[in-house]
Amino acid sequence: MASQPIPRAGFGGRSATVVGGAGAAAGVGAPRRPPGPRRAPGDRPSSRGTAPRPGGERSGPRQPERARVVEAERPAAARPDPADEELAKEVVRELLARMGIAADVVAVDNPSSVPLDGEDPPTIFIDVLGRDLGMLIGRRGDNLAQIQYLVNLLVNRRLATYARVVVDVEGYRSRREESLIGLAERVARQVARSRRPIMLEPMPPNERRIVHLTLRANPDVTTESSGEGNLRRLTVQPRA
């Protein structure tokens, strides 16, 4: 039996509905998409998140309109040094080898629809490609988050200046982002109809940011974060 939304105390005395984060975003109960063709190993297989070419052309396949999150125009973030990318790939390969996992490790352009800006540190995007890599992702991406934390520690011990490393496995983060955008849009429509706030399950900062940016320009709803640490969550509420 499908779980029902749980009413909770909300803003201004109104009740708030709690909506599941990972389970709801992943579309539990919906038919799974058939896997697409596997990419051949090689750096820069992704072009999402890159600046448009002159004349409005954008490299790579056209992305669905829903999956695009537009931020206010800011200075573009600096590209990482190619030598730093090679170091990051070497660290990930070594870590996987010690875990007994055979996989391809490639550097990619920002796969997110949320672009980096001048306030972000140089960011290296690494994707791990292979078969049966679900154990690297774990429940709700917990294992992947721990691997990324470890990779950042190991890489920055060898760098003179700090660089952030984002590790992905078979495009999991991009699929999760699209699910979050869909969740945000569905919740926004429900809040606009009912005029009642809806509280989402706790999310890490990068996922809350995706929801914030998705709904920032929505004329009917606003978003607000509350709570501390791992229990910090986001509430979608109707505009006054």
C-alpha atoms as a PDB file:
ATOM      1  CA  MET A   1       0.000   0.000   0.000  1.00  0.00           C
ATOM      2  CA  ALA A   2       1.401   3.422  -0.931  1.00  0.00           C
ATOM      3  CA  SER A   3       2.275   5.697   1.962  1.00  0.00           C
ATOM      4  CA  GLN A   4       0.155   8.775   2.479  1.00  0.00           C
ATOM      5  CA  PRO A   5       1.459  12.335   3.147  1.00  0.00           C
ATOM      6  CA  ILE A   6       1.686  13.060   6.877  1.00  0.00           C
ATOM      7  CA  PRO A   7       0.226  16.399   8.030  1.00  0.00           C
ATOM      8  CA  ARG A   8       2.464  18.432  10.326  1.00  0.00           C
ATOM      9  CA  ALA A   9       2.342  21.823  11.923  1.00  0.00           C
ATOM     10  CA  GLY A  10       3.300  24.454   9.367  1.00  0.00           C
ATOM     11  CA  PHE A  11       3.623  28.194   9.072  1.00  0.00           C
ATOM     12  CA  GLY A  12       0.994  30.587  10.338  1.00  0.00           C
ATOM     13  CA  GLY A  13      -0.934  27.811  12.092  1.00  0.00           C
ATOM     14  CA  ARG A  14      -1.528  25.912   8.870  1.00  0.00           C
ATOM     15  CA  SER A  15      -0.644  22.253   8.536  1.00  0.00           C
ATOM     16  CA  ALA A  16       2.367  21.246   6.440  1.00  0.00           C
ATOM     17  CA  THR A  17       2.594  18.003   4.517  1.00  0.00           C
ATOM     18  CA  VAL A  18       5.800  16.007   4.677  1.00  0.00           C
ATOM     19  CA  VAL A  19       6.868  14.615   1.329  1.00  0.00           C
ATOM     20  CA  GLY A  20       9.507  11.917   0.961  1.00  0.00           C
ATOM     21  CA  GLY A  21      12.780  13.072  -0.519  1.00  0.00           C
ATOM     22  CA  ALA A  22      14.764  10.226  -2.074  1.00  0.00           C
ATOM     23  CA  GLY A  23      11.924   7.746  -2.498  1.00  0.00           C
ATOM     24  CA  ALA A  24       9.506  10.280  -3.945  1.00  0.00           C
ATOM     25  CA  ALA A  25      12.136  11.882  -6.123  1.00  0.00           C
ATOM     26  CA  ALA A  26      13.243   8.566  -7.545  1.00  0.00           C
ATOM     27  CA  GLY A  27       9.678   7.830  -8.622  1.00  0.00           C
ATOM     28  CA  VAL A  28       8.987   4.677  -6.604  1.00  0.00           C
ATOM     29  CA  GLY A  29       6.398   2.531  -8.363  1.00  0.00           C
ATOM     30  CA  ALA A  30       7.038   4.128 -11.749  1.00  0.00           C
ATOM     31  CA  PRO A  31       8.341   1.956 -14.612  1.00  0.00           C
ATOM     32  CA  ARG A  32      12.113   2.074 -14.937  1.00  0.00           C
ATOM     33  CA  ARG A  33      13.624   3.500 -18.076  1.00  0.00           C
ATOM     34  CA  PRO A  34      15.542   0.993 -20.213  1.00  0.00           C
ATOM     35  CA  PRO A  35      19.293   1.589 -19.976  1.00  0.00           C
ATOM     36  CA  GLY A  36      20.751   3.650 -22.786  1.00  0.00           C
ATOM     37  CA  PRO A  37      23.846   2.781 -24.774  1.00  0.00           C
ATOM     38  CA  ARG A  38      26.990   2.631 -22.654  1.00  0.00           C
ATOM     39  CA  ARG A  39      29.484   5.398 -23.343  1.00  0.00           C
ATOM     40  CA  ALA A  40      32.917   4.506 -24.560  1.00  0.00           C
ATOM     41  CA  PRO A  41      35.571   5.441 -21.979  1.00  0.00           C
ATOM     42  CA  GLY A  42      37.165   8.815 -22.567  1.00  0.00           C
ATOM     43  CA  ASP A  43      37.342  12.226 -20.979  1.00  0.00           C
ATOM     44  CA  ARG A  44      34.717  14.958 -21.473  1.00  0.00           C
ATOM     45  CA  PRO A  45      31.773  12.722 -22.488  1.00  0.00           C
ATOM     46  CA  SER A  46      29.328  15.220 -20.970  1.00  0.00           C
ATOM     47  CA  SER A  47      28.638  18.823 -21.958  1.00  0.00           C
ATOM     48  CA  ARG A  48      25.750  19.739 -19.635  1.00  0.00           C
ATOM     49  CA  GLY A  49      26.428  22.794 -17.524  1.00  0.00           C
ATOM     50  CA  THR A  50      28.818  24.353 -20.061  1.00  0.00           C
ATOM     51  CA  ALA A  51      28.368  27.825 -21.487  1.00  0.00           C
ATOM     52  CA  PRO A  52      26.502  28.167 -24.822  1.00  0.00           C
ATOM     53  CA  ARG A  53      28.530  28.581 -27.973  1.00  0.00           C
ATOM     54  CA  PRO A  54      28.467  31.907 -29.858  1.00  0.00           C
ATOM     55  CA  GLY A  55      25.261  32.283 -31.804  1.00  0.00           C
ATOM     56  CA  GLY A  56      23.198  30.398 -29.251  1.00  0.00           C
ATOM     57  CA  GLU A  57      24.458  26.922 -30.213  1.00  0.00           C
ATOM     58  CA  ARG A  58      25.254  24.530 -27.397  1.00  0.00           C
ATOM     59  CA  SER A  59      27.590  21.579 -27.706  1.00  0.00           C
ATOM     60  CA  GLY A  60      26.200  18.123 -26.952  1.00  0.00           C
ATOM     61  CA  PRO A  61      22.645  16.812 -27.048  1.00  0.00           C
ATOM     62  CA  ARG A  62      19.765  19.149 -26.280  1.00  0.00           C
ATOM     63  CA  GLN A  63      18.535  18.667 -22.722  1.00  0.00           C
ATOM     64  CA  PRO A  64      14.856  18.584 -21.700  1.00  0.00           C
ATOM     65  CA  GLU A  65      13.563  22.042 -20.814  1.00  0.00           C
ATOM     66  CA  ARG A  66      12.455  20.824 -17.378  1.00  0.00           C
ATOM     67  CA  ALA A  67      15.962  19.743 -16.438  1.00  0.00           C
ATOM     68  CA  ARG A  68      17.443  23.202 -16.822  1.00  0.00           C
ATOM     69  CA  VAL A  69      17.957  25.376 -13.754  1.00  0.00           C
ATOM     70  CA  VAL A  70      18.850  28.959 -14.617  1.00  0.00           C
ATOM     71  CA  GLU A  71      20.759  31.067 -12.119  1.00  0.00           C
ATOM     72  CA  ALA A  72      21.295  34.800 -12.163  1.00  0.00           C
ATOM     73  CA  GLU A  73      24.195  35.766 -14.394  1.00  0.00           C
ATOM     74  CA  ARG A  74      27.465  35.484 -12.464  1.00  0.00           C
ATOM     75  CA  PRO A  75      31.129  35.211 -13.397  1.00  0.00           C
ATOM     76  CA  ALA A  76      31.958  31.729 -14.632  1.00  0.00           C
ATOM     77  CA  ALA A  77      34.002  29.494 -12.347  1.00  0.00           C
ATOM     78  CA  ALA A  78      37.607  28.816 -13.281  1.00  0.00           C
ATOM     79  CA  ARG A  79      38.253  25.544 -15.083  1.00  0.00           C
ATOM     80  CA  PRO A  80      40.374  23.044 -13.157  1.00  0.00           C
ATOM     81  CA  ASP A  81      43.978  22.483 -14.140  1.00  0.00           C
ATOM     82  CA  PRO A  82      44.340  19.413 -16.434  1.00  0.00           C
ATOM     83  CA  ALA A  83      47.134  18.142 -14.190  1.00  0.00           C
ATOM     84  CA  ASP A  84      44.758  18.315 -11.205  1.00  0.00           C
ATOM     85  CA  GLU A  85      42.172  16.328 -13.163  1.00  0.00           C
ATOM     86  CA  GLU A  86      44.768  13.647 -13.901  1.00  0.00           C
ATOM     87  CA  LEU A  87      45.658  13.505 -10.214  1.00  0.00           C
ATOM     88  CA  ALA A  88      41.988  13.131  -9.252  1.00  0.00           C
ATOM     89  CA  LYS A  89      41.508  10.302 -11.757  1.00  0.00           C
ATOM     90  CA  GLU A  90      44.637   8.580 -10.456  1.00  0.00           C
ATOM     91  CA  VAL A  91      43.368   8.782  -6.864  1.00  0.00           C
ATOM     92  CA  VAL A  92      39.945   7.371  -7.807  1.00  0.00           C
ATOM     93  CA  ARG A  93      41.526   4.545  -9.819  1.00  0.00           C
ATOM     94  CA  GLU A  94      43.822   3.650  -6.932  1.00  0.00           C
ATOM     95  CA  LEU A  95      40.932   3.698  -4.471  1.00  0.00           C
ATOM     96  CA  LEU A  96      38.799   1.448  -6.687  1.00  0.00           C
ATOM     97  CA  ALA A  97      41.699  -0.934  -7.212  1.00  0.00           C
ATOM     98  CA  ARG A  98      42.132  -1.297  -3.453  1.00  0.00           C
ATOM     99  CA  MET A  99      38.417  -2.075  -3.234  1.00  0.00           C
ATOM    100  CA  GLY A 100      38.778  -4.746  -5.909  1.00  0.00           C
ATOM    101  CA  ILE A 101      36.494  -2.935  -8.361  1.00  0.00           C
ATOM    102  CA  ALA A 102      37.240  -2.819 -12.097  1.00  0.00           C
ATOM    103  CA  ALA A 103      35.834   0.325 -13.711  1.00  0.00           C
ATOM    104  CA  ASP A 104      36.743   3.140 -16.079  1.00  0.00           C
ATOM    105  CA  VAL A 105      37.435   6.563 -14.574  1.00  0.00           C
ATOM    106  CA  VAL A 106      36.954   9.654 -16.759  1.00  0.00           C
ATOM    107  CA  ALA A 107      36.937  13.414 -16.267  1.00  0.00           C
ATOM    108  CA  VAL A 108      33.788  15.143 -17.527  1.00  0.00           C
ATOM    109  CA  ASP A 109      32.463  18.662 -17.916  1.00  0.00           C
ATOM    110  CA  ASN A 110      29.914  19.820 -15.357  1.00  0.00           C
ATOM    111  CA  PRO A 111      26.996  17.392 -15.883  1.00  0.00           C
ATOM    112  CA  SER A 112      24.641  19.446 -13.719  1.00  0.00           C
ATOM    113  CA  SER A 113      22.025  21.885 -14.983  1.00  0.00           C
ATOM    114  CA  VAL A 114      23.137  24.124 -12.091  1.00  0.00           C
ATOM    115  CA  PRO A 115      26.174  26.017 -13.423  1.00  0.00           C
ATOM    116  CA  LEU A 116      29.175  26.905 -11.300  1.00  0.00           C
ATOM    117  CA  ASP A 117      29.928  30.567 -10.650  1.00  0.00           C
ATOM    118  CA  GLY A 118      32.910  32.664  -9.640  1.00  0.00           C
ATOM    119  CA  GLU A 119      32.326  31.949  -5.952  1.00  0.00           C
ATOM    120  CA  ASP A 120      32.825  28.201  -6.435  1.00  0.00           C
ATOM    121  CA  PRO A 121      36.325  26.731  -6.109  1.00  0.00           C
ATOM    122  CA  PRO A 122      37.903  25.013  -9.123  1.00  0.00           C
ATOM    123  CA  THR A 123      35.805  21.867  -9.447  1.00  0.00           C
ATOM    124  CA  ILE A 124      36.842  18.559 -10.981  1.00  0.00           C
ATOM    125  CA  PHE A 125      34.049  16.249 -12.158  1.00  0.00           C
ATOM    126  CA  ILE A 126      34.860  12.537 -12.234  1.00  0.00           C
ATOM    127  CA  ASP A 127      32.546   9.801 -13.509  1.00  0.00           C
ATOM    128  CA  VAL A 128      33.100   6.107 -12.804  1.00  0.00           C
ATOM    129  CA  LEU A 129      31.831   3.839 -15.597  1.00  0.00           C
ATOM    130  CA  GLY A 130      31.304   0.102 -15.436  1.00  0.00           C
ATOM    131  CA  ARG A 131      28.872  -2.685 -14.629  1.00  0.00           C
ATOM    132  CA  ASP A 132      27.279  -3.626 -11.325  1.00  0.00           C
ATOM    133  CA  LEU A 133      28.507  -0.495  -9.538  1.00  0.00           C
ATOM    134  CA  GLY A 134      25.428  -0.032  -7.341  1.00  0.00           C
ATOM    135  CA  MET A 135      27.468  -0.780  -4.225  1.00  0.00           C
ATOM    136  CA  LEU A 136      29.513   2.363  -4.913  1.00  0.00           C
ATOM    137  CA  ILE A 137      26.321   4.448  -4.801  1.00  0.00           C
ATOM    138  CA  GLY A 138      24.612   2.872  -1.804  1.00  0.00           C
ATOM    139  CA  ARG A 139      21.257   3.764  -0.273  1.00  0.00           C
ATOM    140  CA  ARG A 140      20.316   7.327  -1.210  1.00  0.00           C
ATOM    141  CA  GLY A 141      23.881   7.839  -2.464  1.00  0.00           C
ATOM    142  CA  ASP A 142      25.394   7.406   1.027  1.00  0.00           C
ATOM    143  CA  ASN A 143      28.348   5.300  -0.152  1.00  0.00           C
ATOM    144  CA  LEU A 144      29.039   7.686  -3.019  1.00  0.00           C
ATOM    145  CA  ALA A 145      29.089  10.633  -0.614  1.00  0.00           C
ATOM    146  CA  GLN A 146      31.662   8.866   1.573  1.00  0.00           C
ATOM    147  CA  ILE A 147      33.827   7.968  -1.429  1.00  0.00           C
ATOM    148  CA  GLN A 148      33.712  11.574  -2.629  1.00  0.00           C
ATOM    149  CA  TYR A 149      34.712  12.818   0.844  1.00  0.00           C
ATOM    150  CA  LEU A 150      37.689  10.451   0.905  1.00  0.00           C
ATOM    151  CA  VAL A 151      38.757  11.381  -2.641  1.00  0.00           C
ATOM    152  CA  ASN A 152      38.690  15.085  -1.762  1.00  0.00           C
ATOM    153  CA  LEU A 153      40.907  14.468   1.264  1.00  0.00           C
ATOM    154  CA  LEU A 154      43.435  12.420  -0.718  1.00  0.00           C
ATOM    155  CA  VAL A 155      43.536  14.770  -3.717  1.00  0.00           C
ATOM    156  CA  ASN A 156      43.923  17.979  -1.724  1.00  0.00           C
ATOM    157  CA  ARG A 157      46.784  16.519   0.306  1.00  0.00           C
ATOM    158  CA  ARG A 158      48.754  16.593  -2.961  1.00  0.00           C
ATOM    159  CA  LEU A 159      47.608  19.985  -4.287  1.00  0.00           C
ATOM    160  CA  ALA A 160      49.045  23.394  -3.468  1.00  0.00           C
ATOM    161  CA  THR A 161      45.619  25.088  -3.728  1.00  0.00           C
ATOM    162  CA  TYR A 162      42.212  23.650  -2.861  1.00  0.00           C
ATOM    163  CA  ALA A 163      40.103  22.029  -5.581  1.00  0.00           C
ATOM    164  CA  ARG A 164      36.725  20.362  -5.140  1.00  0.00           C
ATOM    165  CA  VAL A 165      36.232  16.917  -6.625  1.00  0.00           C
ATOM    166  CA  VAL A 166      32.721  15.721  -7.486  1.00  0.00           C
ATOM    167  CA  VAL A 167      32.617  11.959  -7.990  1.00  0.00           C
ATOM    168  CA  ASP A 168      29.732  10.307  -9.841  1.00  0.00           C
ATOM    169  CA  VAL A 169      28.968   6.713 -10.784  1.00  0.00           C
ATOM    170  CA  GLU A 170      27.314   6.034 -14.154  1.00  0.00           C
ATOM    171  CA  GLY A 171      25.581   9.437 -14.127  1.00  0.00           C
ATOM    172  CA  TYR A 172      23.727   8.779 -10.837  1.00  0.00           C
ATOM    173  CA  ARG A 173      23.925  12.420  -9.722  1.00  0.00           C
ATOM    174  CA  SER A 174      22.416  13.686 -12.992  1.00  0.00           C
ATOM    175  CA  ARG A 175      19.502  11.245 -12.717  1.00  0.00           C
ATOM    176  CA  ARG A 176      18.991  12.241  -9.089  1.00  0.00           C
ATOM    177  CA  GLU A 177      19.001  15.912 -10.067  1.00  0.00           C
ATOM    178  CA  GLU A 178      16.320  15.380 -12.700  1.00  0.00           C
ATOM    179  CA  SER A 179      14.223  13.511 -10.132  1.00  0.00           C
ATOM    180  CA  LEU A 180      14.576  16.391  -7.665  1.00  0.00           C
ATOM    181  CA  ILE A 181      13.539  18.923 -10.287  1.00  0.00           C
ATOM    182  CA  GLY A 182      10.456  16.835 -11.045  1.00  0.00           C
ATOM    183  CA  LEU A 183       9.667  16.523  -7.322  1.00  0.00           C
ATOM    184  CA  ALA A 184      10.031  20.279  -6.817  1.00  0.00           C
ATOM    185  CA  GLU A 185       7.659  21.036  -9.690  1.00  0.00           C
ATOM    186  CA  ARG A 186       5.035  18.546  -8.479  1.00  0.00           C
ATOM    187  CA  VAL A 187       5.166  19.868  -4.914  1.00  0.00           C
ATOM    188  CA  ALA A 188       4.938  23.457  -6.160  1.00  0.00           C
ATOM    189  CA  ARG A 189       1.760  22.685  -8.097  1.00  0.00           C
ATOM    190  CA  GLN A 190       0.239  20.979  -5.058  1.00  0.00           C
ATOM    191  CA  VAL A 191       1.108  23.916  -2.788  1.00  0.00           C
ATOM    192  CA  ALA A 192      -0.286  26.409  -5.301  1.00  0.00           C
ATOM    193  CA  ARG A 193      -3.594  24.506  -5.426  1.00  0.00           C
ATOM    194  CA  SER A 194      -4.014  23.798  -1.720  1.00  0.00           C
ATOM    195  CA  ARG A 195      -2.382  27.002  -0.354  1.00  0.00           C
ATOM    196  CA  ARG A 196      -0.771  24.797   2.329  1.00  0.00           C
ATOM    197  CA  PRO A 197       2.996  24.444   2.906  1.00  0.00           C
ATOM    198  CA  ILE A 198       4.707  21.122   2.213  1.00  0.00           C
ATOM    199  CA  MET A 199       7.851  20.059   4.064  1.00  0.00           C
ATOM    200  CA  LEU A 200      10.311  17.810   2.246  1.00  0.00           C
ATOM    201  CA  GLU A 201      12.428  15.119   3.838  1.00  0.00           C
ATOM    202  CA  PRO A 202      15.969  16.104   4.974  1.00  0.00           C
ATOM    203  CA  MET A 203      18.377  16.611   2.071  1.00  0.00           C
ATOM    204  CA  PRO A 204      22.082  17.411   1.746  1.00  0.00           C
ATOM    205  CA  PRO A 205      22.973  21.014   0.799  1.00  0.00           C
ATOM    206  CA  ASN A 206      23.547  20.320  -2.909  1.00  0.00           C
ATOM    207  CA  GLU A 207      20.082  18.766  -3.270  1.00  0.00           C
ATOM    208  CA  ARG A 208      18.344  21.569  -1.362  1.00  0.00           C
ATOM    209  CA  ARG A 209      20.071  24.040  -3.667  1.00  0.00           C
ATOM    210  CA  ILE A 210      18.611  22.294  -6.730  1.00  0.00           C
ATOM    211  CA  VAL A 211      15.081  22.590  -5.295  1.00  0.00           C
ATOM    212  CA  HIS A 212      15.648  26.241  -4.290  1.00  0.00           C
ATOM    213  CA  LEU A 213      16.867  27.183  -7.769  1.00  0.00           C
ATOM    214  CA  THR A 214      14.125  25.212  -9.534  1.00  0.00           C
ATOM    215  CA  LEU A 215      11.383  27.113  -7.681  1.00  0.00           C
ATOM    216  CA  ARG A 216      13.082  30.485  -7.282  1.00  0.00           C
ATOM    217  CA  ALA A 217      11.248  32.044 -10.230  1.00  0.00           C
ATOM    218  CA  ASN A 218       7.933  30.319  -9.488  1.00  0.00           C
ATOM    219  CA  PRO A 219       5.289  33.041  -8.980  1.00  0.00           C
ATOM    220  CA  ASP A 220       3.108  30.897  -6.690  1.00  0.00           C
ATOM    221  CA  VAL A 221       5.521  29.436  -4.107  1.00  0.00           C
ATOM    222  CA  THR A 222       8.646  30.190  -2.074  1.00  0.00           C
ATOM    223  CA  THR A 223      11.151  27.884  -0.382  1.00  0.00           C
ATOM    224  CA  GLU A 224      12.737  28.028   3.052  1.00  0.00           C
ATOM    225  CA  SER A 225      15.270  25.762   4.803  1.00  0.00           C
ATOM    226  CA  SER A 226      15.074  24.872   8.489  1.00  0.00           C
ATOM    227  CA  GLY A 227      16.731  22.483  10.920  1.00  0.00           C
ATOM    228  CA  GLU A 228      20.350  21.664  11.667  1.00  0.00           C
ATOM    229  CA  GLY A 229      22.963  19.337  10.210  1.00  0.00           C
ATOM    230  CA  ASN A 230      21.711  16.131   8.608  1.00  0.00           C
ATOM    231  CA  LEU A 231      18.128  16.973   9.659  1.00  0.00           C
ATOM    232  CA  ARG A 232      18.022  20.244   7.730  1.00  0.00           C
ATOM    233  CA  ARG A 233      15.047  20.221   5.367  1.00  0.00           C
ATOM    234  CA  LEU A 234      13.238  22.465   2.951  1.00  0.00           C
ATOM    235  CA  THR A 235       9.645  23.714   3.063  1.00  0.00           C
ATOM    236  CA  VAL A 236       7.705  24.847  -0.009  1.00  0.00           C
ATOM    237  CA  GLN A 237       5.062  27.387   0.961  1.00  0.00           C
ATOM    238  CA  PRO A 238       2.570  29.568  -0.932  1.00  0.00           C
ATOM    239  CA  ARG A 239       3.538  33.141  -1.676  1.00  0.00           C
ATOM    240  CA  ALA A 240       1.668  35.739   0.361  1.00  0.00           C
END
